Amino acid sequence: MSITMTQDRRANPKDPNAGQHAQDMTDLQATAATLLLRSNRLSVSLILELLDIGDAQFRELSKCNEEIARLLDQRRRGELQIEEPELKACPGCSEWFIPYAGQRCCSDECYRIASIRT
């Protein structure tokens, strides 16, 4: 029921926060579109489907957001580069791994081992 109420509040023009909800959603969609467009493995139509937005709304996003427009131009010209992940040696087990975010070790156990060593 709370989901329906939230959706109804966003759609309700009498809601004083309706504009803010719409802006937050647009910002979220623009950020998600920017991240998804960086991958040349995903088609634009699949990205639109994942974002659950239509062509017209996506065109508006690309007009308002320079990063989206730049990524679309790079895709059209075939200049989108695949960013290779950086490998890092785990201080716990010395094995190579691809860190996620600020991850220092390949696993929680290796993190504990590295903490004991230091």
Protein backbone atom coordinates (compact mmCIF):
# COMPACT_ATOMS: atom_id res chain seq x y z
CA MET A 1 0.00 0.00 0.00
CA SER A 2 2.85 2.41 0.72
CA ILE A 3 4.24 1.85 -2.78
CA THR A 4 0.92 2.81 -4.32
CA MET A 5 0.67 5.86 -2.08
CA THR A 6 4.18 6.95 -3.10
CA GLN A 7 3.37 6.58 -6.78
CA ASP A 8 0.07 8.41 -6.30
CA ARG A 9 1.81 11.27 -4.50
CA ARG A 10 4.30 11.64 -7.35
CA ALA A 11 1.54 11.70 -9.92
CA ASN A 12 -0.67 14.04 -7.90
CA PRO A 13 -0.27 17.62 -9.19
CA LYS A 14 -1.55 18.99 -5.84
CA ASP A 15 1.41 17.46 -4.01
CA PRO A 16 3.87 20.26 -3.18
CA ASN A 17 6.79 17.79 -3.45
CA ALA A 18 5.74 16.33 -6.80
CA GLY A 19 8.23 18.48 -8.70
CA GLN A 20 11.06 17.43 -6.41
CA HIS A 21 10.12 13.74 -6.81
CA ALA A 22 10.18 14.14 -10.59
CA GLN A 23 13.55 15.93 -10.47
CA ASP A 24 15.03 13.25 -8.19
CA MET A 25 13.82 10.55 -10.57
CA THR A 26 15.28 12.41 -13.56
CA ASP A 27 18.63 12.80 -11.78
CA LEU A 28 18.64 9.12 -10.89
CA GLN A 29 17.79 8.12 -14.46
CA ALA A 30 20.49 10.42 -15.85
CA THR A 31 23.10 8.92 -13.53
CA ALA A 32 22.02 5.38 -14.38
CA ALA A 33 21.97 6.17 -18.11
CA THR A 34 25.49 7.61 -17.90
CA LEU A 35 26.78 4.48 -16.19
CA LEU A 36 25.00 2.10 -18.57
CA LEU A 37 26.04 4.00 -21.71
CA ARG A 38 29.71 3.53 -20.81
CA SER A 39 29.38 -0.16 -21.62
CA ASN A 40 29.53 -0.85 -25.35
CA ARG A 41 28.18 -4.32 -24.61
CA LEU A 42 24.70 -2.90 -23.95
CA SER A 43 22.54 -1.59 -26.77
CA VAL A 44 20.75 1.72 -26.33
CA SER A 45 17.39 -0.04 -26.67
CA LEU A 46 18.33 -2.41 -23.83
CA ILE A 47 19.42 0.56 -21.71
CA LEU A 48 16.05 2.24 -22.30
CA GLU A 49 14.33 -0.97 -21.30
CA LEU A 50 16.43 -1.30 -18.14
CA LEU A 51 15.70 2.31 -17.20
CA ASP A 52 12.02 1.86 -18.07
CA ILE A 53 11.90 5.09 -20.06
CA GLY A 54 10.70 5.89 -23.56
CA ASP A 55 12.51 7.38 -26.54
CA ALA A 56 11.13 10.87 -25.99
CA GLN A 57 12.15 10.96 -22.34
CA PHE A 58 15.62 9.66 -23.24
CA ARG A 59 16.00 12.36 -25.91
CA GLU A 60 15.14 14.97 -23.27
CA LEU A 61 17.73 13.48 -20.92
CA SER A 62 20.38 13.61 -23.64
CA LYS A 63 19.54 17.26 -24.40
CA CYS A 64 19.82 18.25 -20.73
CA ASN A 65 22.85 16.11 -19.82
CA GLU A 66 26.11 16.79 -21.68
CA GLU A 67 27.71 13.55 -20.46
CA ILE A 68 24.90 11.44 -21.97
CA ALA A 69 25.14 13.36 -25.26
CA ARG A 70 28.93 12.87 -25.32
CA LEU A 71 28.62 9.13 -24.66
CA LEU A 72 25.99 8.78 -27.40
CA ASP A 73 28.28 10.58 -29.87
CA GLN A 74 31.17 8.30 -28.92
CA ARG A 75 28.92 5.27 -29.45
CA ARG A 76 27.83 6.53 -32.89
CA ARG A 77 31.44 7.08 -33.98
CA GLY A 78 32.58 3.73 -32.51
CA GLU A 79 35.05 5.47 -30.20
CA LEU A 80 33.73 4.12 -26.90
CA GLN A 81 36.68 2.52 -25.15
CA ILE A 82 36.40 -0.53 -22.96
CA GLU A 83 37.96 0.25 -19.61
CA GLU A 84 40.04 -2.68 -18.50
CA PRO A 85 39.81 -3.49 -14.80
CA GLU A 86 42.90 -2.98 -12.68
CA LEU A 87 44.28 -6.09 -11.06
CA LYS A 88 45.60 -5.85 -7.53
CA ALA A 89 47.56 -8.28 -5.38
CA CYS A 90 45.71 -9.29 -2.23
CA PRO A 91 47.78 -8.50 0.91
CA GLY A 92 46.25 -11.53 2.66
CA CYS A 93 46.90 -14.32 0.17
CA SER A 94 49.02 -12.60 -2.54
CA GLU A 95 46.58 -13.71 -5.27
CA TRP A 96 45.51 -11.27 -7.99
CA PHE A 97 41.93 -9.98 -7.90
CA ILE A 98 39.79 -7.21 -9.34
CA PRO A 99 38.90 -4.83 -6.50
CA TYR A 100 35.35 -3.60 -6.17
CA ALA A 101 35.08 0.02 -5.03
CA GLY A 102 37.69 0.56 -2.29
CA GLN A 103 38.17 -3.13 -1.59
CA ARG A 104 41.67 -3.82 -0.22
CA CYS A 105 41.55 -7.64 -0.08
CA CYS A 106 39.94 -10.34 -2.18
CA SER A 107 37.76 -11.68 0.66
CA ASP A 108 36.71 -11.02 4.24
CA GLU A 109 39.02 -13.76 5.47
CA CYS A 110 42.01 -12.25 3.67
CA TYR A 111 41.07 -8.89 5.15
CA ARG A 112 41.25 -10.42 8.63
CA ILE A 113 44.60 -12.04 7.80
CA ALA A 114 45.97 -8.75 6.45
CA SER A 115 44.73 -6.94 9.56
CA ILE A 116 46.58 -9.40 11.80
CA ARG A 117 49.80 -8.99 9.77
CA THR A 118 49.77 -5.20 10.01
